[in-house]
Amino acid sequence: MSPAVIALALTAALLHATWNAALRSGADRLSFVTAMAYATTAIAIPVVLLLPLPLPGCWLYLLLSAALQVVYIIFLAQAYRYGELGQVYPVVRGSVPLLVTAGGFVLAGQRLTAAALLGVGLISLGIISLALGRGRGERKSLSLALLAALFVASYVMADALGVRLAGNPQSYAAWNFLAYGALLPVAFRLLRGGMALKLPARETLKAVAAGILSFGSYAAIITAFAIGNVGSITALRETSIVFSALIGRVLLGEALTVQRILVCLTVTLGAVCIGYS
């Protein structure tokens, strides 16, 4: 894996962890992510006007990805309703590398070296153990988290296939955000029966900032997908759990337990295996 791909994946991980930290403190997460979608749509509109239109072959994958992302975010919001962030987030993020690697093998014929496979396994097992070892999980929250992970893996595979047909990864990412930004408010209306977000001004500003970070994270990972191996990149991005632990300690005052430190070390070792494979 080239240094550029590693840098893109780690940047995406850092930005992803940061906007999740913002989402974590929100009382109404569905309203929060919908406000984020408005922000990313506002960013995407001028971008799509400046960039060339994606090539025809990618549009089915692009629209499928946007729809899958909407379903994922709904399941994620429901999972947080019944379980804690420290349980749900690791299960979702830790399950994705194995699912994506399996999908890359079946759908795209991608092969990983033994070191990369070891890295994928270390990252996935480390993050999942963080959640399951806590003994706090209820069956419903874990089921919802695993469903969310399945949809994440599905849209990642759609993106990995679609971006290679788009001609321009940044254009693909911008149009994906436009499609997602159109679909999520529709889903919000169906679930809530109206469009009123009812977020305080402070929460709205935080959601807008989180949306900007989300856009940057997605653009970075889409660019990496265009030039690297999807399984390795996705696993490397899961180092976001390390960044989230540090952000939680520094900004949110969360304790770094021995178990969390061990998981962070395991995830980092997995990332090294992937980076040097």
Protein backbone atom coordinates (compact mmCIF):
# COMPACT_ATOMS: atom_id res chain seq x y z
CA MET A 1 0.00 0.00 0.00
CA SER A 2 1.43 3.37 -1.03
CA PRO A 3 2.07 6.21 1.47
CA ALA A 4 -0.60 8.30 -0.27
CA VAL A 5 -3.26 5.63 0.23
CA ILE A 6 -2.25 5.14 3.88
CA ALA A 7 -2.42 8.91 4.48
CA LEU A 8 -5.88 9.13 2.86
CA ALA A 9 -7.22 6.22 4.91
CA LEU A 10 -5.86 7.60 8.20
CA THR A 11 -7.22 11.07 7.42
CA ALA A 12 -10.62 9.54 6.78
CA ALA A 13 -10.35 7.66 10.09
CA LEU A 14 -9.51 10.80 12.07
CA LEU A 15 -12.32 12.84 10.51
CA HIS A 16 -14.77 9.98 10.99
CA ALA A 17 -13.92 9.65 14.68
CA THR A 18 -14.26 13.40 15.15
CA TRP A 19 -17.74 13.73 13.65
CA ASN A 20 -18.87 10.65 15.57
CA ALA A 21 -17.70 12.32 18.78
CA ALA A 22 -19.93 15.28 17.87
CA LEU A 23 -22.85 12.98 17.12
CA ARG A 24 -22.34 11.12 20.39
CA SER A 25 -23.42 14.08 22.51
CA GLY A 26 -26.61 14.74 20.55
CA ALA A 27 -29.93 13.91 22.18
CA ASP A 28 -31.81 13.44 18.89
CA ARG A 29 -29.41 11.59 16.63
CA LEU A 30 -31.76 11.19 13.67
CA SER A 31 -32.35 14.95 13.58
CA PHE A 32 -28.60 15.49 14.00
CA VAL A 33 -27.62 13.32 11.03
CA THR A 34 -30.38 14.86 8.92
CA ALA A 35 -28.99 18.32 9.67
CA MET A 36 -25.56 16.94 8.74
CA ALA A 37 -27.02 15.81 5.41
CA TYR A 38 -28.25 19.35 4.68
CA ALA A 39 -24.73 20.65 5.36
CA THR A 40 -23.04 18.08 3.11
CA THR A 41 -25.58 18.79 0.36
CA ALA A 42 -24.77 22.50 0.54
CA ILE A 43 -21.08 21.66 0.13
CA ALA A 44 -21.70 19.18 -2.67
CA ILE A 45 -23.73 21.53 -4.89
CA PRO A 46 -20.86 23.89 -5.88
CA VAL A 47 -18.47 20.93 -6.09
CA VAL A 48 -20.60 19.10 -8.67
CA LEU A 49 -20.80 22.31 -10.71
CA LEU A 50 -17.01 22.55 -10.85
CA LEU A 51 -16.21 18.90 -11.50
CA PRO A 52 -17.03 16.79 -14.57
CA LEU A 53 -20.11 14.60 -14.50
CA PRO A 54 -19.37 11.01 -13.40
CA LEU A 55 -19.30 8.51 -16.26
CA PRO A 56 -22.54 6.59 -16.97
CA GLY A 57 -21.25 3.24 -15.75
CA CYS A 58 -21.05 4.36 -12.09
CA TRP A 59 -24.56 5.72 -11.55
CA LEU A 60 -26.22 2.49 -10.49
CA TYR A 61 -23.54 1.93 -7.86
CA LEU A 62 -23.68 5.57 -6.77
CA LEU A 63 -27.45 5.55 -6.19
CA LEU A 64 -27.30 2.13 -4.53
CA SER A 65 -24.58 3.40 -2.18
CA ALA A 66 -26.62 6.48 -1.23
CA ALA A 67 -29.69 4.37 -0.47
CA LEU A 68 -27.66 1.90 1.60
CA GLN A 69 -26.13 4.78 3.58
CA VAL A 70 -29.60 6.04 4.48
CA VAL A 71 -30.61 2.60 5.76
CA TYR A 72 -27.32 2.30 7.66
CA ILE A 73 -27.73 5.63 9.44
CA ILE A 74 -31.27 4.74 10.49
CA PHE A 75 -30.16 1.41 11.96
CA LEU A 76 -27.25 3.17 13.66
CA ALA A 77 -29.57 5.73 15.27
CA GLN A 78 -31.82 2.91 16.50
CA ALA A 79 -28.85 0.98 17.85
CA TYR A 80 -27.76 4.03 19.87
CA ARG A 81 -31.28 4.22 21.26
CA TYR A 82 -30.84 0.86 23.00
CA GLY A 83 -27.07 0.67 23.52
CA GLU A 84 -24.12 2.85 24.47
CA LEU A 85 -21.69 4.39 22.00
CA GLY A 86 -18.83 2.36 23.52
CA GLN A 87 -20.67 -0.81 22.59
CA VAL A 88 -22.45 0.01 19.33
CA TYR A 89 -19.65 1.89 17.54
CA PRO A 90 -16.99 -0.82 17.98
CA VAL A 91 -19.39 -3.54 16.81
CA VAL A 92 -20.33 -1.57 13.70
CA ARG A 93 -16.80 -0.51 12.78
CA GLY A 94 -15.15 -3.77 13.82
CA SER A 95 -17.45 -5.93 11.73
CA VAL A 96 -16.95 -3.96 8.53
CA PRO A 97 -13.37 -4.99 7.54
CA LEU A 98 -14.16 -8.71 7.53
CA LEU A 99 -17.43 -8.15 5.63
CA VAL A 100 -15.75 -5.89 3.07
CA THR A 101 -12.80 -8.24 2.61
CA ALA A 102 -15.22 -11.12 2.01
CA GLY A 103 -17.19 -8.95 -0.43
CA GLY A 104 -14.02 -7.88 -2.25
CA PHE A 105 -13.03 -11.53 -2.63
CA VAL A 106 -16.45 -12.67 -3.92
CA LEU A 107 -17.45 -9.67 -6.06
CA ALA A 108 -14.19 -8.11 -7.22
CA GLY A 109 -11.73 -11.01 -7.04
CA GLN A 110 -9.37 -9.03 -4.80
CA ARG A 111 -6.68 -10.96 -2.95
CA LEU A 112 -4.91 -10.01 0.28
CA THR A 113 -1.50 -11.13 1.47
CA ALA A 114 -1.15 -13.14 4.67
CA ALA A 115 0.06 -10.03 6.52
CA ALA A 116 -2.92 -8.00 5.33
CA LEU A 117 -5.32 -10.77 6.33
CA LEU A 118 -3.69 -10.86 9.76
CA GLY A 119 -4.14 -7.09 9.99
CA VAL A 120 -7.80 -7.31 9.04
CA GLY A 121 -8.34 -10.02 11.65
CA LEU A 122 -6.52 -8.11 14.41
CA ILE A 123 -8.46 -4.90 13.76
CA SER A 124 -11.83 -6.65 13.60
CA LEU A 125 -11.32 -8.91 16.61
CA GLY A 126 -9.80 -6.12 18.66
CA ILE A 127 -12.63 -3.68 18.10
CA ILE A 128 -15.38 -6.27 18.54
CA SER A 129 -13.81 -7.52 21.78
CA LEU A 130 -13.97 -3.97 23.12
CA ALA A 131 -17.75 -4.08 22.84
CA LEU A 132 -18.48 -7.69 23.71
CA GLY A 133 -16.07 -7.75 26.64
CA ARG A 134 -17.96 -5.00 28.46
CA GLY A 135 -20.97 -7.21 29.24
CA ARG A 136 -23.39 -4.33 28.73
CA GLY A 137 -24.88 -5.26 25.42
CA GLU A 138 -28.49 -6.07 25.03
CA ARG A 139 -29.48 -8.41 22.25
CA LYS A 140 -31.47 -5.73 20.45
CA SER A 141 -28.71 -3.13 20.32
CA LEU A 142 -26.15 -5.69 19.16
CA SER A 143 -28.50 -6.97 16.45
CA LEU A 144 -29.11 -3.43 15.21
CA ALA A 145 -25.38 -2.67 15.29
CA LEU A 146 -24.60 -5.78 13.24
CA LEU A 147 -27.30 -4.84 10.73
CA ALA A 148 -25.78 -1.36 10.49
CA ALA A 149 -22.38 -2.96 9.86
CA LEU A 150 -23.85 -5.09 7.08
CA PHE A 151 -25.18 -2.00 5.32
CA VAL A 152 -21.86 -0.18 5.80
CA ALA A 153 -20.03 -3.08 4.18
CA SER A 154 -22.59 -3.12 1.36
CA TYR A 155 -22.26 0.57 0.52
CA VAL A 156 -18.48 0.36 0.79
CA MET A 157 -18.49 -2.41 -1.82
CA ALA A 158 -20.84 -0.39 -4.04
CA ASP A 159 -18.48 2.60 -3.74
CA ALA A 160 -15.38 0.50 -4.38
CA LEU A 161 -16.89 -0.78 -7.62
CA GLY A 162 -18.61 2.46 -8.65
CA VAL A 163 -15.73 4.87 -8.10
CA ARG A 164 -13.52 2.95 -10.52
CA LEU A 165 -16.13 3.54 -13.23
CA ALA A 166 -16.75 7.21 -12.40
CA GLY A 167 -13.73 8.76 -14.09
CA ASN A 168 -13.30 11.20 -11.18
CA PRO A 169 -13.48 10.03 -7.54
CA GLN A 170 -14.18 13.52 -6.16
CA SER A 171 -17.09 13.96 -8.55
CA TYR A 172 -18.43 10.55 -7.52
CA ALA A 173 -18.23 11.53 -3.84
CA ALA A 174 -19.98 14.86 -4.41
CA TRP A 175 -22.86 13.33 -6.39
CA ASN A 176 -23.14 10.58 -3.79
CA PHE A 177 -23.65 13.24 -1.12
CA LEU A 178 -26.30 14.92 -3.26
CA ALA A 179 -28.19 11.64 -3.62
CA TYR A 180 -27.82 10.85 0.09
CA GLY A 181 -28.85 14.40 1.00
CA ALA A 182 -32.02 14.00 -1.06
CA LEU A 183 -32.93 10.56 0.30
CA LEU A 184 -32.29 11.05 4.03
CA PRO A 185 -34.82 13.90 4.52
CA VAL A 186 -37.40 11.72 2.77
CA ALA A 187 -36.64 8.90 5.20
CA PHE A 188 -36.79 11.37 8.11
CA ARG A 189 -40.22 12.54 6.97
CA LEU A 190 -41.49 8.96 6.67
CA LEU A 191 -40.19 8.06 10.14
CA ARG A 192 -41.14 11.26 11.95
CA GLY A 193 -44.15 12.39 9.94
CA GLY A 194 -42.70 15.86 9.32
CA MET A 195 -39.58 17.81 8.41
CA ALA A 196 -39.09 19.85 11.62
CA LEU A 197 -35.65 18.96 13.04
CA LYS A 198 -36.22 20.77 16.36
CA LEU A 199 -32.51 21.15 17.08
CA PRO A 200 -31.23 23.99 19.31
CA ALA A 201 -28.98 26.51 17.56
CA ARG A 202 -25.86 25.09 19.25
CA GLU A 203 -26.73 21.58 18.11
CA THR A 204 -27.42 22.82 14.60
CA LEU A 205 -24.00 24.45 14.36
CA LYS A 206 -22.38 21.31 15.69
CA ALA A 207 -24.27 19.22 13.13
CA VAL A 208 -23.12 21.52 10.31
CA ALA A 209 -19.50 21.19 11.45
CA ALA A 210 -19.90 17.42 11.69
CA GLY A 211 -21.35 17.37 8.19
CA ILE A 212 -18.29 19.19 6.84
CA LEU A 213 -16.00 16.65 8.54
CA SER A 214 -18.14 13.81 7.21
CA PHE A 215 -17.79 15.16 3.67
CA GLY A 216 -14.01 15.35 4.03
CA SER A 217 -13.81 11.84 5.47
CA TYR A 218 -15.87 10.35 2.66
CA ALA A 219 -13.98 12.21 -0.06
CA ALA A 220 -10.66 10.96 1.36
CA ILE A 221 -11.77 7.33 1.51
CA ILE A 222 -13.34 7.42 -1.96
CA THR A 223 -10.07 8.76 -3.37
CA ALA A 224 -8.19 5.94 -1.62
CA PHE A 225 -10.61 3.35 -3.04
CA ALA A 226 -9.84 4.60 -6.54
CA ILE A 227 -6.14 3.75 -6.24
CA GLY A 228 -5.84 1.01 -3.59
CA ASN A 229 -7.16 -2.31 -2.29
CA VAL A 230 -10.60 -1.94 -0.73
CA GLY A 231 -10.15 -4.56 2.02
CA SER A 232 -6.86 -3.12 3.26
CA ILE A 233 -8.08 0.48 3.04
CA THR A 234 -11.30 -0.27 4.93
CA ALA A 235 -9.43 -2.09 7.67
CA LEU A 236 -6.92 0.74 8.00
CA ARG A 237 -9.77 3.24 8.30
CA GLU A 238 -11.03 1.29 11.32
CA THR A 239 -8.15 2.81 13.29
CA SER A 240 -10.80 5.48 13.88
CA ILE A 241 -11.44 3.58 17.13
CA VAL A 242 -7.95 4.63 18.26
CA PHE A 243 -8.63 8.26 17.37
CA SER A 244 -12.04 8.11 19.07
CA ALA A 245 -10.46 6.78 22.27
CA LEU A 246 -7.94 9.65 22.29
CA ILE A 247 -10.61 12.24 21.46
CA GLY A 248 -12.83 10.83 24.18
CA ARG A 249 -10.02 11.09 26.72
CA VAL A 250 -8.81 14.58 25.76
CA LEU A 251 -12.07 16.34 24.88
CA LEU A 252 -14.80 14.34 26.61
CA GLY A 253 -13.00 13.24 29.77
CA GLU A 254 -13.53 9.53 29.18
CA ALA A 255 -11.33 7.03 30.99
CA LEU A 256 -8.77 5.01 29.05
CA THR A 257 -9.21 1.57 30.62
CA VAL A 258 -6.65 -1.21 30.32
CA GLN A 259 -8.99 -3.05 27.98
CA ARG A 260 -9.38 -0.01 25.72
CA ILE A 261 -5.61 0.54 25.61
CA LEU A 262 -5.03 -3.13 24.68
CA VAL A 263 -7.61 -2.87 21.92
CA CYS A 264 -5.96 0.30 20.62
CA LEU A 265 -2.61 -1.49 20.51
CA THR A 266 -4.17 -4.46 18.71
CA VAL A 267 -5.80 -2.19 16.15
CA THR A 268 -2.55 -0.31 15.61
CA LEU A 269 -0.66 -3.58 15.09
CA GLY A 270 -3.27 -4.61 12.56
CA ALA A 271 -2.85 -1.31 10.74
CA VAL A 272 0.94 -1.83 10.63
CA CYS A 273 0.46 -5.32 9.16
CA ILE A 274 -1.76 -3.88 6.44
CA GLY A 275 0.47 -0.90 5.76
CA TYR A 276 3.59 -3.02 5.28
CA SER A 277 1.93 -5.89 3.40
